[in-house]
Amino acid sequence: MAPAERQGMSVRKFRCDILNRAEPGTEVTLDRSEETHLFKILRANPGDVVELLDGCGRIASAEVRPGRTLVIRDIRTLEPPARRVHLYIAPPRRQKMDSVLREATELGVWRIVPMLCEFSVSEPDASSVAGRWADAMFEACKQSGNVFLPQTSAPLPFAAAVADAASSCDELRYGSPNATGPGADTAADVAWFVGPEGGFSDAEERKLIEAGAKPLRIGRWILRVETAAVAGIVKLTES
């Protein structure tokens, strides 16, 4: 039994992008930042056991060996969730959006699509979404144990976001304190639209309704973007 297992310690999780090509007995090395965390900060020793995630549903148990290498002991592949929530969001400013990324990932959101609305206050570039956003979400995956890294896309104009949701999701929802009725029923893929702090414009709300979007009640009052994003994911995931 490895030291971490003997001491009842929680097994640390690390990113490893080659699990689709690995099998029990495969020797792997981590990228520099993950290796630094494991060996310099956590001071891992031969015989310690860690878990590896690739963000695509695979999780592996691996044992530390001399020479700062890891050997795969076993690999499991988890099935995608039956209900997949796609978050279409007008991003708030950076610190608040970072919170949305972490919490949405911990809750198991399937996809996050930034959209540009009439009252948007922030416009992330595609490189930020593919870089900083992905890094923040993978950290949340490692912390929470979520084996599915949320998918992302480059920012879309509002009309393009609605068209994208209509083509990729079975149901479209947006928040309204006056809505009645339950969350998603049998839909496998649900689009959850969260507008900017100023809300959707009248024209944007009309476009959502014309696309078949239904209002969803997530509270009695008007919520901040980051609160609405998380509350809607919870309700739609569990309904």
C-alpha atoms as a PDB file:
ATOM      1  CA  MET A   1       0.000   0.000   0.000  1.00  0.00           C
ATOM      2  CA  ALA A   2       1.351   3.447  -0.934  1.00  0.00           C
ATOM      3  CA  PRO A   3       2.193   6.031   1.762  1.00  0.00           C
ATOM      4  CA  ALA A   4      -0.755   8.298   0.888  1.00  0.00           C
ATOM      5  CA  GLU A   5      -3.112   5.320   1.090  1.00  0.00           C
ATOM      6  CA  ARG A   6      -1.696   4.148   4.433  1.00  0.00           C
ATOM      7  CA  GLN A   7      -2.149   7.587   5.986  1.00  0.00           C
ATOM      8  CA  GLY A   8      -5.708   8.003   4.723  1.00  0.00           C
ATOM      9  CA  MET A   9      -4.756  11.084   2.720  1.00  0.00           C
ATOM     10  CA  SER A  10      -6.921  12.213  -0.172  1.00  0.00           C
ATOM     11  CA  VAL A  11      -5.323  11.294  -3.490  1.00  0.00           C
ATOM     12  CA  ARG A  12      -4.092  14.342  -5.403  1.00  0.00           C
ATOM     13  CA  LYS A  13      -5.196  14.824  -8.993  1.00  0.00           C
ATOM     14  CA  PHE A  14      -3.068  16.039 -11.888  1.00  0.00           C
ATOM     15  CA  ARG A  15      -3.551  16.776 -15.563  1.00  0.00           C
ATOM     16  CA  CYS A  16      -2.314  14.266 -18.126  1.00  0.00           C
ATOM     17  CA  ASP A  17      -3.362  14.671 -21.759  1.00  0.00           C
ATOM     18  CA  ILE A  18      -2.174  11.284 -23.063  1.00  0.00           C
ATOM     19  CA  LEU A  19      -4.511   8.922 -21.213  1.00  0.00           C
ATOM     20  CA  ASN A  20      -6.203   8.027 -24.493  1.00  0.00           C
ATOM     21  CA  ARG A  21      -2.896   6.424 -25.551  1.00  0.00           C
ATOM     22  CA  ALA A  22      -1.970   4.870 -22.194  1.00  0.00           C
ATOM     23  CA  GLU A  23      -2.669   1.515 -20.562  1.00  0.00           C
ATOM     24  CA  PRO A  24      -1.702  -0.145 -17.266  1.00  0.00           C
ATOM     25  CA  GLY A  25       2.103  -0.223 -17.071  1.00  0.00           C
ATOM     26  CA  THR A  26       2.610   2.863 -19.267  1.00  0.00           C
ATOM     27  CA  GLU A  27       5.245   5.262 -17.929  1.00  0.00           C
ATOM     28  CA  VAL A  28       4.231   8.921 -18.166  1.00  0.00           C
ATOM     29  CA  THR A  29       5.709  12.283 -17.237  1.00  0.00           C
ATOM     30  CA  LEU A  30       3.745  15.396 -16.319  1.00  0.00           C
ATOM     31  CA  ASP A  31       4.171  18.809 -17.886  1.00  0.00           C
ATOM     32  CA  ARG A  32       6.489  21.202 -16.079  1.00  0.00           C
ATOM     33  CA  SER A  33       3.938  23.006 -13.894  1.00  0.00           C
ATOM     34  CA  GLU A  34       2.262  19.779 -12.784  1.00  0.00           C
ATOM     35  CA  GLU A  35       5.619  18.117 -12.170  1.00  0.00           C
ATOM     36  CA  THR A  36       6.770  21.079 -10.072  1.00  0.00           C
ATOM     37  CA  HIS A  37       3.625  20.932  -7.992  1.00  0.00           C
ATOM     38  CA  LEU A  38       3.929  17.193  -7.402  1.00  0.00           C
ATOM     39  CA  PHE A  39       7.646  16.924  -6.646  1.00  0.00           C
ATOM     40  CA  LYS A  40       8.762  20.337  -5.371  1.00  0.00           C
ATOM     41  CA  ILE A  41       5.648  21.534  -3.526  1.00  0.00           C
ATOM     42  CA  LEU A  42       4.066  18.260  -2.412  1.00  0.00           C
ATOM     43  CA  ARG A  43       7.444  16.462  -2.236  1.00  0.00           C
ATOM     44  CA  ALA A  44       6.112  13.200  -3.619  1.00  0.00           C
ATOM     45  CA  ASN A  45       8.195  10.083  -3.010  1.00  0.00           C
ATOM     46  CA  PRO A  46       8.452   6.767  -4.869  1.00  0.00           C
ATOM     47  CA  GLY A  47       5.463   4.623  -3.941  1.00  0.00           C
ATOM     48  CA  ASP A  48       3.036   7.565  -3.572  1.00  0.00           C
ATOM     49  CA  VAL A  49      -0.162   7.272  -5.607  1.00  0.00           C
ATOM     50  CA  VAL A  50      -1.854  10.059  -7.567  1.00  0.00           C
ATOM     51  CA  GLU A  51      -4.772  10.281  -9.983  1.00  0.00           C
ATOM     52  CA  LEU A  52      -4.520  11.632 -13.512  1.00  0.00           C
ATOM     53  CA  LEU A  53      -7.304  13.349 -15.475  1.00  0.00           C
ATOM     54  CA  ASP A  54      -7.406  14.167 -19.174  1.00  0.00           C
ATOM     55  CA  GLY A  55     -10.647  16.181 -19.164  1.00  0.00           C
ATOM     56  CA  CYS A  56     -12.292  13.766 -21.597  1.00  0.00           C
ATOM     57  CA  GLY A  57     -13.822  11.359 -19.103  1.00  0.00           C
ATOM     58  CA  ARG A  58     -10.746   9.269 -18.281  1.00  0.00           C
ATOM     59  CA  ILE A  59      -9.197   8.957 -14.825  1.00  0.00           C
ATOM     60  CA  ALA A  60      -6.080   6.922 -14.051  1.00  0.00           C
ATOM     61  CA  SER A  61      -4.390   5.764 -10.874  1.00  0.00           C
ATOM     62  CA  ALA A  62      -0.611   6.143 -11.105  1.00  0.00           C
ATOM     63  CA  GLU A  63       2.318   5.333  -8.830  1.00  0.00           C
ATOM     64  CA  VAL A  64       5.338   7.587  -8.407  1.00  0.00           C
ATOM     65  CA  ARG A  65       8.581   5.899  -9.431  1.00  0.00           C
ATOM     66  CA  PRO A  66      12.230   7.017  -9.047  1.00  0.00           C
ATOM     67  CA  GLY A  67      13.312   9.629 -11.576  1.00  0.00           C
ATOM     68  CA  ARG A  68      10.142  11.716 -11.271  1.00  0.00           C
ATOM     69  CA  THR A  69       8.115   9.398 -13.454  1.00  0.00           C
ATOM     70  CA  LEU A  70       4.675   7.873 -12.994  1.00  0.00           C
ATOM     71  CA  VAL A  71       3.481   4.422 -13.957  1.00  0.00           C
ATOM     72  CA  ILE A  72      -0.196   3.883 -14.757  1.00  0.00           C
ATOM     73  CA  ARG A  73      -1.844   1.271 -12.533  1.00  0.00           C
ATOM     74  CA  ASP A  74      -5.359   1.392 -14.001  1.00  0.00           C
ATOM     75  CA  ILE A  75      -7.563   3.605 -16.175  1.00  0.00           C
ATOM     76  CA  ARG A  76     -11.311   4.116 -15.978  1.00  0.00           C
ATOM     77  CA  THR A  77     -13.547   5.869 -18.486  1.00  0.00           C
ATOM     78  CA  LEU A  78     -16.738   7.467 -17.182  1.00  0.00           C
ATOM     79  CA  GLU A  79     -19.886   7.924 -19.233  1.00  0.00           C
ATOM     80  CA  PRO A  80     -20.984  11.495 -20.037  1.00  0.00           C
ATOM     81  CA  PRO A  81     -23.881  12.779 -17.910  1.00  0.00           C
ATOM     82  CA  ALA A  82     -27.429  12.158 -19.143  1.00  0.00           C
ATOM     83  CA  ARG A  83     -28.227  15.883 -18.799  1.00  0.00           C
ATOM     84  CA  ARG A  84     -25.713  18.315 -20.289  1.00  0.00           C
ATOM     85  CA  VAL A  85     -26.048  22.026 -19.544  1.00  0.00           C
ATOM     86  CA  HIS A  86     -24.562  24.456 -22.062  1.00  0.00           C
ATOM     87  CA  LEU A  87     -23.970  27.873 -20.485  1.00  0.00           C
ATOM     88  CA  TYR A  88     -24.322  30.798 -22.886  1.00  0.00           C
ATOM     89  CA  ILE A  89     -23.116  33.783 -20.908  1.00  0.00           C
ATOM     90  CA  ALA A  90     -22.344  37.465 -21.380  1.00  0.00           C
ATOM     91  CA  PRO A  91     -19.107  37.432 -19.354  1.00  0.00           C
ATOM     92  CA  PRO A  92     -18.834  39.744 -16.365  1.00  0.00           C
ATOM     93  CA  ARG A  93     -15.491  41.341 -15.647  1.00  0.00           C
ATOM     94  CA  ARG A  94     -12.470  39.114 -15.146  1.00  0.00           C
ATOM     95  CA  GLN A  95     -12.574  38.301 -11.410  1.00  0.00           C
ATOM     96  CA  LYS A  96     -16.295  37.506 -11.478  1.00  0.00           C
ATOM     97  CA  MET A  97     -15.924  35.413 -14.634  1.00  0.00           C
ATOM     98  CA  ASP A  98     -13.114  33.442 -13.014  1.00  0.00           C
ATOM     99  CA  SER A  99     -15.551  32.576 -10.232  1.00  0.00           C
ATOM    100  CA  VAL A 100     -18.159  31.465 -12.784  1.00  0.00           C
ATOM    101  CA  LEU A 101     -15.612  29.238 -14.527  1.00  0.00           C
ATOM    102  CA  ARG A 102     -14.604  27.503 -11.315  1.00  0.00           C
ATOM    103  CA  GLU A 103     -18.072  27.013  -9.882  1.00  0.00           C
ATOM    104  CA  ALA A 104     -19.698  25.996 -13.164  1.00  0.00           C
ATOM    105  CA  THR A 105     -16.976  23.385 -13.670  1.00  0.00           C
ATOM    106  CA  GLU A 106     -17.429  22.028 -10.147  1.00  0.00           C
ATOM    107  CA  LEU A 107     -21.153  21.681 -10.884  1.00  0.00           C
ATOM    108  CA  GLY A 108     -20.465  19.749 -14.079  1.00  0.00           C
ATOM    109  CA  VAL A 109     -21.462  22.262 -16.768  1.00  0.00           C
ATOM    110  CA  TRP A 110     -20.846  20.680 -20.168  1.00  0.00           C
ATOM    111  CA  ARG A 111     -20.026  23.714 -22.268  1.00  0.00           C
ATOM    112  CA  ILE A 112     -19.432  27.434 -21.755  1.00  0.00           C
ATOM    113  CA  VAL A 113     -20.025  29.808 -24.662  1.00  0.00           C
ATOM    114  CA  PRO A 114     -19.234  33.521 -24.179  1.00  0.00           C
ATOM    115  CA  MET A 115     -21.600  35.799 -26.068  1.00  0.00           C
ATOM    116  CA  LEU A 116     -21.596  39.482 -26.883  1.00  0.00           C
ATOM    117  CA  CYS A 117     -24.832  41.256 -25.965  1.00  0.00           C
ATOM    118  CA  GLU A 118     -26.065  44.818 -26.340  1.00  0.00           C
ATOM    119  CA  PHE A 119     -25.252  45.606 -22.696  1.00  0.00           C
ATOM    120  CA  SER A 120     -22.078  43.495 -22.398  1.00  0.00           C
ATOM    121  CA  VAL A 121     -19.361  44.895 -20.123  1.00  0.00           C
ATOM    122  CA  SER A 122     -16.557  42.498 -21.073  1.00  0.00           C
ATOM    123  CA  GLU A 123     -15.366  40.988 -24.344  1.00  0.00           C
ATOM    124  CA  PRO A 124     -12.855  38.171 -23.870  1.00  0.00           C
ATOM    125  CA  ASP A 125     -10.672  37.277 -26.838  1.00  0.00           C
ATOM    126  CA  ALA A 126     -10.434  33.783 -28.270  1.00  0.00           C
ATOM    127  CA  SER A 127      -6.912  33.272 -26.895  1.00  0.00           C
ATOM    128  CA  SER A 128      -8.107  33.958 -23.334  1.00  0.00           C
ATOM    129  CA  VAL A 129     -10.920  31.439 -23.703  1.00  0.00           C
ATOM    130  CA  ALA A 130      -8.594  28.751 -25.065  1.00  0.00           C
ATOM    131  CA  GLY A 131      -5.803  29.568 -22.601  1.00  0.00           C
ATOM    132  CA  ARG A 132      -6.588  31.185 -19.254  1.00  0.00           C
ATOM    133  CA  TRP A 133     -10.194  29.958 -19.127  1.00  0.00           C
ATOM    134  CA  ALA A 134      -9.202  26.369 -19.912  1.00  0.00           C
ATOM    135  CA  ASP A 135      -6.475  26.441 -17.262  1.00  0.00           C
ATOM    136  CA  ALA A 136      -8.879  27.776 -14.616  1.00  0.00           C
ATOM    137  CA  MET A 137     -11.467  25.126 -15.461  1.00  0.00           C
ATOM    138  CA  PHE A 138      -8.940  22.294 -15.347  1.00  0.00           C
ATOM    139  CA  GLU A 139      -7.861  23.427 -11.883  1.00  0.00           C
ATOM    140  CA  ALA A 140     -11.516  23.187 -10.864  1.00  0.00           C
ATOM    141  CA  CYS A 141     -11.689  19.700 -12.396  1.00  0.00           C
ATOM    142  CA  LYS A 142      -8.712  18.601 -10.318  1.00  0.00           C
ATOM    143  CA  GLN A 143     -10.175  20.098  -7.147  1.00  0.00           C
ATOM    144  CA  SER A 144     -13.663  18.664  -7.630  1.00  0.00           C
ATOM    145  CA  GLY A 145     -12.875  15.384  -9.377  1.00  0.00           C
ATOM    146  CA  ASN A 146     -14.970  16.314 -12.434  1.00  0.00           C
ATOM    147  CA  VAL A 147     -13.483  14.218 -15.265  1.00  0.00           C
ATOM    148  CA  PHE A 148     -15.089  16.276 -18.045  1.00  0.00           C
ATOM    149  CA  LEU A 149     -13.407  19.584 -18.835  1.00  0.00           C
ATOM    150  CA  PRO A 150     -16.138  21.944 -20.091  1.00  0.00           C
ATOM    151  CA  GLN A 151     -15.978  22.687 -23.788  1.00  0.00           C
ATOM    152  CA  THR A 152     -15.635  26.320 -24.880  1.00  0.00           C
ATOM    153  CA  SER A 153     -15.855  28.372 -28.027  1.00  0.00           C
ATOM    154  CA  ALA A 154     -14.664  31.747 -29.215  1.00  0.00           C
ATOM    155  CA  PRO A 155     -17.002  34.611 -28.254  1.00  0.00           C
ATOM    156  CA  LEU A 156     -20.132  34.743 -30.406  1.00  0.00           C
ATOM    157  CA  PRO A 157     -22.406  37.669 -31.226  1.00  0.00           C
ATOM    158  CA  PHE A 158     -25.777  37.200 -29.509  1.00  0.00           C
ATOM    159  CA  ALA A 159     -27.672  36.184 -32.650  1.00  0.00           C
ATOM    160  CA  ALA A 160     -25.002  33.611 -33.512  1.00  0.00           C
ATOM    161  CA  ALA A 161     -25.126  32.264 -29.951  1.00  0.00           C
ATOM    162  CA  VAL A 162     -28.890  31.744 -30.197  1.00  0.00           C
ATOM    163  CA  ALA A 163     -28.485  29.978 -33.550  1.00  0.00           C
ATOM    164  CA  ASP A 164     -25.715  27.807 -32.112  1.00  0.00           C
ATOM    165  CA  ALA A 165     -27.886  26.798 -29.154  1.00  0.00           C
ATOM    166  CA  ALA A 166     -30.864  26.054 -31.369  1.00  0.00           C
ATOM    167  CA  SER A 167     -28.765  23.694 -33.484  1.00  0.00           C
ATOM    168  CA  SER A 168     -26.882  21.942 -30.656  1.00  0.00           C
ATOM    169  CA  CYS A 169     -29.407  21.789 -27.786  1.00  0.00           C
ATOM    170  CA  ASP A 170     -32.827  20.216 -27.294  1.00  0.00           C
ATOM    171  CA  GLU A 171     -34.108  23.041 -25.123  1.00  0.00           C
ATOM    172  CA  LEU A 172     -33.283  26.718 -24.558  1.00  0.00           C
ATOM    173  CA  ARG A 173     -33.837  28.513 -21.231  1.00  0.00           C
ATOM    174  CA  TYR A 174     -33.320  32.035 -19.891  1.00  0.00           C
ATOM    175  CA  GLY A 175     -33.923  33.434 -16.407  1.00  0.00           C
ATOM    176  CA  SER A 176     -37.052  35.256 -15.345  1.00  0.00           C
ATOM    177  CA  PRO A 177     -38.346  35.897 -11.786  1.00  0.00           C
ATOM    178  CA  ASN A 178     -41.889  35.741 -13.208  1.00  0.00           C
ATOM    179  CA  ALA A 179     -41.544  32.328 -14.847  1.00  0.00           C
ATOM    180  CA  THR A 180     -43.568  29.342 -13.709  1.00  0.00           C
ATOM    181  CA  GLY A 181     -43.119  25.617 -14.269  1.00  0.00           C
ATOM    182  CA  PRO A 182     -40.229  23.190 -13.784  1.00  0.00           C
ATOM    183  CA  GLY A 183     -36.752  23.117 -15.227  1.00  0.00           C
ATOM    184  CA  ALA A 184     -35.746  20.934 -18.152  1.00  0.00           C
ATOM    185  CA  ASP A 185     -37.781  17.745 -18.394  1.00  0.00           C
ATOM    186  CA  THR A 186     -36.380  15.098 -20.728  1.00  0.00           C
ATOM    187  CA  ALA A 187     -33.953  17.234 -22.733  1.00  0.00           C
ATOM    188  CA  ALA A 188     -30.445  15.793 -22.905  1.00  0.00           C
ATOM    189  CA  ASP A 189     -28.772  19.063 -23.927  1.00  0.00           C
ATOM    190  CA  VAL A 190     -30.104  22.282 -22.392  1.00  0.00           C
ATOM    191  CA  ALA A 191     -28.912  25.790 -23.242  1.00  0.00           C
ATOM    192  CA  TRP A 192     -28.893  28.179 -20.287  1.00  0.00           C
ATOM    193  CA  PHE A 193     -28.737  31.836 -21.338  1.00  0.00           C
ATOM    194  CA  VAL A 194     -27.384  34.369 -18.838  1.00  0.00           C
ATOM    195  CA  GLY A 195     -27.251  37.985 -19.937  1.00  0.00           C
ATOM    196  CA  PRO A 196     -25.065  40.870 -18.725  1.00  0.00           C
ATOM    197  CA  GLU A 197     -25.666  42.932 -15.582  1.00  0.00           C
ATOM    198  CA  GLY A 198     -28.026  45.173 -17.534  1.00  0.00           C
ATOM    199  CA  GLY A 199     -30.011  42.158 -18.695  1.00  0.00           C
ATOM    200  CA  PHE A 200     -31.023  41.250 -22.206  1.00  0.00           C
ATOM    201  CA  SER A 201     -32.367  44.028 -24.387  1.00  0.00           C
ATOM    202  CA  ASP A 202     -35.991  43.788 -25.523  1.00  0.00           C
ATOM    203  CA  ALA A 203     -34.807  42.771 -28.984  1.00  0.00           C
ATOM    204  CA  GLU A 204     -32.572  40.031 -27.562  1.00  0.00           C
ATOM    205  CA  GLU A 205     -35.341  38.631 -25.401  1.00  0.00           C
ATOM    206  CA  ARG A 206     -37.654  38.578 -28.419  1.00  0.00           C
ATOM    207  CA  LYS A 207     -35.021  36.670 -30.388  1.00  0.00           C
ATOM    208  CA  LEU A 208     -34.747  34.092 -27.608  1.00  0.00           C
ATOM    209  CA  ILE A 209     -38.515  33.616 -27.516  1.00  0.00           C
ATOM    210  CA  GLU A 210     -38.683  33.359 -31.307  1.00  0.00           C
ATOM    211  CA  ALA A 211     -36.043  30.587 -31.101  1.00  0.00           C
ATOM    212  CA  GLY A 212     -38.276  28.658 -28.695  1.00  0.00           C
ATOM    213  CA  ALA A 213     -36.520  29.592 -25.442  1.00  0.00           C
ATOM    214  CA  LYS A 214     -38.572  29.248 -22.269  1.00  0.00           C
ATOM    215  CA  PRO A 215     -38.222  31.344 -19.097  1.00  0.00           C
ATOM    216  CA  LEU A 216     -36.846  29.663 -15.968  1.00  0.00           C
ATOM    217  CA  ARG A 217     -37.477  30.878 -12.432  1.00  0.00           C
ATOM    218  CA  ILE A 218     -34.345  30.653 -10.273  1.00  0.00           C
ATOM    219  CA  GLY A 219     -35.330  33.110  -7.548  1.00  0.00           C
ATOM    220  CA  ARG A 220     -37.741  35.852  -6.575  1.00  0.00           C
ATOM    221  CA  TRP A 221     -35.396  38.698  -7.430  1.00  0.00           C
ATOM    222  CA  ILE A 222     -33.025  39.809 -10.157  1.00  0.00           C
ATOM    223  CA  LEU A 223     -29.659  38.060  -9.722  1.00  0.00           C
ATOM    224  CA  ARG A 224     -26.102  39.015 -10.552  1.00  0.00           C
ATOM    225  CA  VAL A 225     -24.589  37.293 -13.579  1.00  0.00           C
ATOM    226  CA  GLU A 226     -22.393  34.956 -11.547  1.00  0.00           C
ATOM    227  CA  THR A 227     -25.257  34.025  -9.196  1.00  0.00           C
ATOM    228  CA  ALA A 228     -27.690  33.409 -12.046  1.00  0.00           C
ATOM    229  CA  ALA A 229     -25.192  31.249 -13.935  1.00  0.00           C
ATOM    230  CA  VAL A 230     -24.628  28.918 -10.986  1.00  0.00           C
ATOM    231  CA  ALA A 231     -28.266  28.824  -9.837  1.00  0.00           C
ATOM    232  CA  GLY A 232     -29.478  27.904 -13.316  1.00  0.00           C
ATOM    233  CA  ILE A 233     -26.897  25.150 -13.747  1.00  0.00           C
ATOM    234  CA  VAL A 234     -27.946  23.598 -10.446  1.00  0.00           C
ATOM    235  CA  LYS A 235     -31.653  23.726 -11.275  1.00  0.00           C
ATOM    236  CA  LEU A 236     -31.286  22.424 -14.817  1.00  0.00           C
ATOM    237  CA  THR A 237     -28.850  19.683 -13.864  1.00  0.00           C
ATOM    238  CA  GLU A 238     -31.004  18.326 -11.063  1.00  0.00           C
ATOM    239  CA  SER A 239     -34.467  18.753 -12.625  1.00  0.00           C
END
